[in-house]
Protein backbone atom coordinates (compact mmCIF):
# COMPACT_ATOMS: atom_id res chain seq x y z
CA MET A 1 37.86 29.63 -55.17
CA ALA A 2 35.23 27.32 -53.65
CA SER A 3 35.98 23.90 -52.20
CA GLU A 4 33.93 20.78 -52.75
CA THR A 5 32.23 21.47 -49.42
CA GLY A 6 31.03 24.86 -50.70
CA THR A 7 33.34 26.84 -48.42
CA ALA A 8 35.24 29.49 -50.36
CA VAL A 9 38.97 29.80 -49.69
CA GLU A 10 40.83 33.03 -50.30
CA THR A 11 44.40 32.61 -51.51
CA LYS A 12 47.24 35.11 -51.54
CA ARG A 13 50.45 33.95 -53.17
CA GLY A 14 54.02 35.12 -52.97
CA LEU A 15 54.09 37.19 -49.78
CA ILE A 16 57.74 38.01 -49.08
CA PHE A 17 59.24 37.26 -45.69
CA GLY A 18 62.71 37.67 -44.22
CA PRO A 19 65.98 39.02 -45.66
CA SER A 20 66.29 36.06 -48.03
CA GLY A 21 63.30 37.29 -50.01
CA LYS A 22 61.59 33.90 -49.74
CA ARG A 23 57.86 33.77 -50.36
CA LEU A 24 54.87 32.21 -48.69
CA ASP A 25 51.27 31.54 -49.64
CA LEU A 26 48.23 32.32 -47.53
CA TYR A 27 44.95 30.40 -47.37
CA ARG A 28 41.97 31.54 -45.32
CA PRO A 29 38.20 31.04 -45.38
CA GLU A 30 36.31 33.80 -47.13
CA GLY A 31 33.68 35.64 -45.15
CA VAL A 32 35.21 34.82 -41.77
CA ALA A 33 36.21 37.95 -39.87
CA ARG A 34 38.70 36.10 -37.70
CA PRO A 35 39.72 32.53 -38.49
CA ALA A 36 39.52 30.04 -35.62
CA SER A 37 43.29 29.68 -35.45
CA THR A 38 46.50 29.97 -37.43
CA VAL A 39 48.73 27.22 -38.84
CA LEU A 40 52.30 27.67 -40.08
CA LEU A 41 52.97 24.68 -42.32
CA TRP A 42 56.50 23.73 -43.43
CA HIS A 43 57.15 21.57 -46.50
CA GLY A 44 59.79 18.85 -46.78
CA ILE A 45 63.38 18.79 -47.96
CA GLY A 46 62.67 19.61 -51.62
CA PRO A 47 63.72 23.20 -52.35
CA ASP A 48 61.00 25.87 -52.42
CA GLU A 49 58.07 23.46 -52.57
CA ARG A 50 55.36 25.44 -50.86
CA ASP A 51 53.03 24.58 -53.75
CA VAL A 52 53.23 20.88 -52.82
CA LEU A 53 51.25 21.61 -49.66
CA GLU A 54 48.49 23.60 -51.37
CA PRO A 55 45.93 20.75 -51.41
CA LEU A 56 46.35 20.19 -47.68
CA ALA A 57 46.51 23.90 -46.83
CA ARG A 58 43.34 24.60 -48.77
CA THR A 59 41.56 21.75 -46.99
CA VAL A 60 42.66 23.06 -43.60
CA ALA A 61 41.39 26.54 -44.49
CA VAL A 62 37.96 25.03 -45.19
CA HIS A 63 37.88 24.15 -41.48
CA GLY A 64 38.02 27.88 -40.72
CA LEU A 65 41.76 28.35 -40.17
CA LEU A 66 44.35 30.73 -41.54
CA VAL A 67 47.16 28.68 -43.11
CA LEU A 68 50.57 30.05 -44.12
CA VAL A 69 52.94 27.92 -46.21
CA PRO A 70 56.47 29.28 -46.81
CA ASP A 71 59.26 28.23 -49.11
CA TRP A 72 62.62 27.18 -47.69
CA ARG A 73 65.70 25.40 -48.97
CA SER A 74 67.82 22.73 -47.32
CA ASP A 75 70.98 23.46 -49.32
CA PRO A 76 72.30 26.64 -47.63
CA ALA A 77 75.16 26.21 -45.16
CA ASP A 78 72.73 26.28 -42.22
CA GLY A 79 70.49 23.60 -43.73
CA GLY A 80 67.54 25.96 -44.03
CA ARG A 81 67.47 27.05 -40.39
CA SER A 82 67.42 30.81 -41.01
CA GLN A 83 64.69 30.61 -43.64
CA LEU A 84 62.48 28.45 -41.44
CA LEU A 85 62.95 30.72 -38.45
CA ASP A 86 62.42 33.82 -40.62
CA SER A 87 59.05 32.42 -41.68
CA LEU A 88 58.20 31.81 -38.03
CA ALA A 89 59.13 35.38 -37.11
CA PHE A 90 57.03 36.70 -40.01
CA VAL A 91 53.94 34.82 -38.87
CA ARG A 92 54.39 35.92 -35.27
CA GLU A 93 54.62 39.54 -36.41
CA GLU A 94 52.11 39.62 -39.25
CA ALA A 95 49.42 36.99 -38.62
CA GLY A 96 47.26 39.41 -36.65
CA GLY A 97 47.02 41.72 -39.65
CA LEU A 98 46.23 38.76 -41.90
CA GLY A 99 43.23 37.72 -39.83
CA GLY A 100 44.86 35.17 -37.53
CA SER A 101 46.90 35.05 -34.36
CA GLY A 102 50.63 35.60 -34.10
CA GLU A 103 50.70 34.93 -30.37
CA SER A 104 49.54 31.33 -30.28
CA PHE A 105 49.33 29.11 -33.33
CA VAL A 106 49.95 25.59 -34.56
CA LEU A 107 53.40 24.83 -35.96
CA ALA A 108 53.28 21.93 -38.39
CA GLY A 109 55.47 20.24 -40.95
CA TRP A 110 55.64 17.40 -43.41
CA SER A 111 58.67 15.11 -43.83
CA ALA A 112 61.77 17.18 -42.94
CA GLY A 113 59.43 19.98 -41.88
CA ALA A 114 57.98 17.78 -39.14
CA GLY A 115 61.22 17.45 -37.16
CA ALA A 116 61.87 21.17 -37.69
CA ALA A 117 58.51 22.01 -36.10
CA LEU A 118 59.02 19.76 -33.10
CA GLY A 119 62.52 21.14 -32.63
CA VAL A 120 61.12 24.62 -31.94
CA ALA A 121 58.89 23.29 -29.16
CA LEU A 122 61.78 21.39 -27.59
CA ARG A 123 64.24 24.26 -27.89
CA PRO A 124 62.18 27.47 -27.76
CA GLU A 125 65.34 29.55 -27.36
CA VAL A 126 65.69 29.41 -31.16
CA ALA A 127 62.50 31.51 -31.32
CA GLY A 128 63.23 33.88 -28.45
CA GLY A 129 61.54 31.61 -25.91
CA TRP A 130 58.31 31.26 -27.91
CA ARG A 131 56.46 27.94 -28.22
CA PRO A 132 53.54 27.05 -30.49
CA ALA A 133 50.10 26.12 -29.18
CA ALA A 134 50.67 22.62 -30.56
CA VAL A 135 52.91 20.74 -32.98
CA VAL A 136 51.64 18.57 -35.83
CA GLY A 137 54.21 16.33 -37.52
CA MET A 138 53.33 14.49 -40.71
CA ALA A 139 55.50 11.68 -42.10
CA GLY A 140 58.57 12.87 -40.22
CA ARG A 141 61.82 11.48 -38.89
CA TYR A 142 62.82 12.51 -35.41
CA ASP A 143 66.12 10.69 -35.02
CA LEU A 144 67.91 13.17 -37.31
CA PRO A 145 68.96 16.73 -36.43
CA ALA A 146 66.04 19.10 -36.80
CA ARG A 147 66.61 21.78 -39.41
CA THR A 148 65.69 24.48 -36.89
CA THR A 149 67.92 23.37 -34.00
CA GLY A 150 70.68 21.05 -35.24
CA THR A 151 69.76 18.41 -32.65
CA ALA A 152 67.57 15.33 -33.02
CA PRO A 153 64.21 15.59 -31.23
CA LEU A 154 64.54 12.06 -29.87
CA ASP A 155 67.94 12.96 -28.40
CA ASP A 156 66.46 16.11 -26.87
CA LEU A 157 63.67 14.08 -25.28
CA ALA A 158 66.19 11.56 -23.93
CA ALA A 159 68.11 14.47 -22.41
CA GLY A 160 65.00 15.57 -20.54
CA LEU A 161 63.84 18.46 -22.73
CA ASP A 162 60.09 19.02 -22.69
CA PRO A 163 58.05 20.19 -25.70
CA ALA A 164 55.49 21.51 -23.17
CA VAL A 165 52.70 21.47 -25.81
CA PRO A 166 50.58 18.71 -27.36
CA VAL A 167 52.22 16.82 -30.22
CA HIS A 168 50.01 15.27 -32.91
CA LEU A 169 51.46 12.86 -35.46
CA VAL A 170 50.08 11.65 -38.79
CA HIS A 171 52.01 9.03 -40.75
CA GLY A 172 50.99 6.93 -43.72
CA GLY A 173 50.91 3.26 -42.84
CA ARG A 174 52.31 2.43 -46.32
CA ASP A 175 55.09 5.02 -46.25
CA THR A 176 58.31 3.46 -47.62
CA VAL A 177 60.23 6.76 -47.87
CA VAL A 178 59.99 7.45 -44.14
CA PRO A 179 58.51 4.32 -42.53
CA PRO A 180 55.86 4.90 -39.85
CA SER A 181 58.14 3.35 -37.23
CA PHE A 182 59.79 6.78 -36.90
CA SER A 183 56.56 8.37 -35.69
CA ARG A 184 55.78 5.35 -33.52
CA ASP A 185 59.17 5.68 -31.83
CA LEU A 186 58.56 9.35 -31.14
CA ALA A 187 55.07 8.70 -29.81
CA GLU A 188 56.42 6.06 -27.44
CA ALA A 189 59.18 8.39 -26.23
CA LEU A 190 56.66 11.16 -25.56
CA ARG A 191 54.30 8.82 -23.73
CA THR A 192 57.15 7.47 -21.62
CA ALA A 193 58.01 11.05 -20.69
CA GLY A 194 54.39 11.71 -19.74
CA ARG A 195 53.71 14.10 -22.61
CA THR A 196 50.52 14.57 -24.61
CA VAL A 197 50.75 12.86 -27.99
CA THR A 198 48.42 11.36 -30.59
CA LEU A 199 49.32 9.23 -33.60
CA ARG A 200 47.13 8.53 -36.62
CA GLU A 201 48.20 6.14 -39.39
CA PRO A 202 45.99 6.45 -42.48
CA ASP A 203 46.30 3.85 -45.21
CA THR A 204 48.49 5.87 -47.58
CA ASP A 205 52.11 6.60 -48.46
CA HIS A 206 54.58 9.43 -47.89
CA ALA A 207 53.07 11.76 -50.49
CA GLY A 208 49.48 10.73 -49.88
CA VAL A 209 49.43 12.01 -46.32
CA VAL A 210 49.46 15.55 -47.76
CA MET A 211 47.02 14.79 -50.61
CA THR A 212 49.70 14.34 -53.27
CA GLU A 213 51.51 11.69 -55.28
CA TYR A 214 55.12 11.55 -56.41
CA ASP A 215 55.64 12.35 -60.09
CA PRO A 216 59.01 10.91 -61.26
CA ALA A 217 59.03 13.06 -64.39
CA ALA A 218 58.71 16.26 -62.37
CA ASP A 219 60.73 14.86 -59.44
CA ARG A 220 58.23 16.33 -57.03
CA CYS A 221 54.89 15.64 -55.42
CA VAL A 222 51.79 16.82 -57.27
CA PRO A 223 48.09 16.94 -56.36
CA THR A 224 46.10 13.76 -56.76
CA THR A 225 42.50 12.65 -56.54
CA ALA A 226 43.42 9.10 -55.49
CA GLU A 227 40.97 8.02 -52.81
CA HIS A 228 43.65 6.96 -50.30
CA ALA A 229 45.40 10.34 -50.55
CA VAL A 230 42.22 12.41 -50.37
CA SER A 231 41.08 10.45 -47.32
CA ALA A 232 44.47 10.78 -45.62
CA GLY A 233 44.68 14.49 -46.38
CA GLN A 234 41.24 15.07 -44.95
CA LEU A 235 42.30 13.23 -41.81
CA ALA A 236 45.48 15.32 -41.55
CA ALA A 237 43.46 18.50 -42.06
CA GLY A 238 41.13 17.45 -39.26
CA VAL A 239 44.10 16.86 -36.96
CA LEU A 240 45.49 20.31 -37.78
CA ALA A 241 42.11 21.94 -37.21
CA ALA A 242 41.58 20.17 -33.90
CA ALA A 243 45.10 21.14 -32.77
CA GLY A 244 44.19 24.76 -33.43
CA ASP A 245 41.06 24.72 -31.30
CA ARG A 246 41.40 27.04 -28.34
CA PRO A 247 38.97 27.67 -25.48
């Protein structure tokens, strides 16, 4: 399928990962022997909503990256921890065979997925000591326990834990579901600790930052062509692509 820029994006849907049998979707640029980098992108708290992130994932792939978007659920007893970490283990093991890198890649998330991604960088023991090349958090809260670690990233920072990698934040300036103050607070805490952080605030809402809009009838976010969401999603895709750049 070709994008509006003319770059074709190859899609593979429903790859199974982990003992839970959860599935993930793959997006990569066609005709590129080895994508520039790899992104593992986690959706928010809605159950099994990998499709919600398709517009953003496809836009990131146009930049020349391999993007993997898994399903996970927040309602198991562990809050989704094992499914998130299973998807991480899958990408580390399989990304090389899929055209990307399993050694060093960007870990990113939207909404509840954002705190989960940052949690791995702060507490790499949950991934056998591994850290991502960078973290990108979109429209997240960081004062609540991360789904991957059970501790709040802001509390971990206050306790002296170090993410040790760049953290890039994108948060809609009109977000009323998770107000942008949550990302501002995290950015300030990281700067105070002397860590590398960027924060972008496009003029959009919680759904718009990932190129979607909330549909009350479906009770989920769906793709949209609204100018504010398309612009914000393109900005987020650019942040993800830049985070994946390696010398």
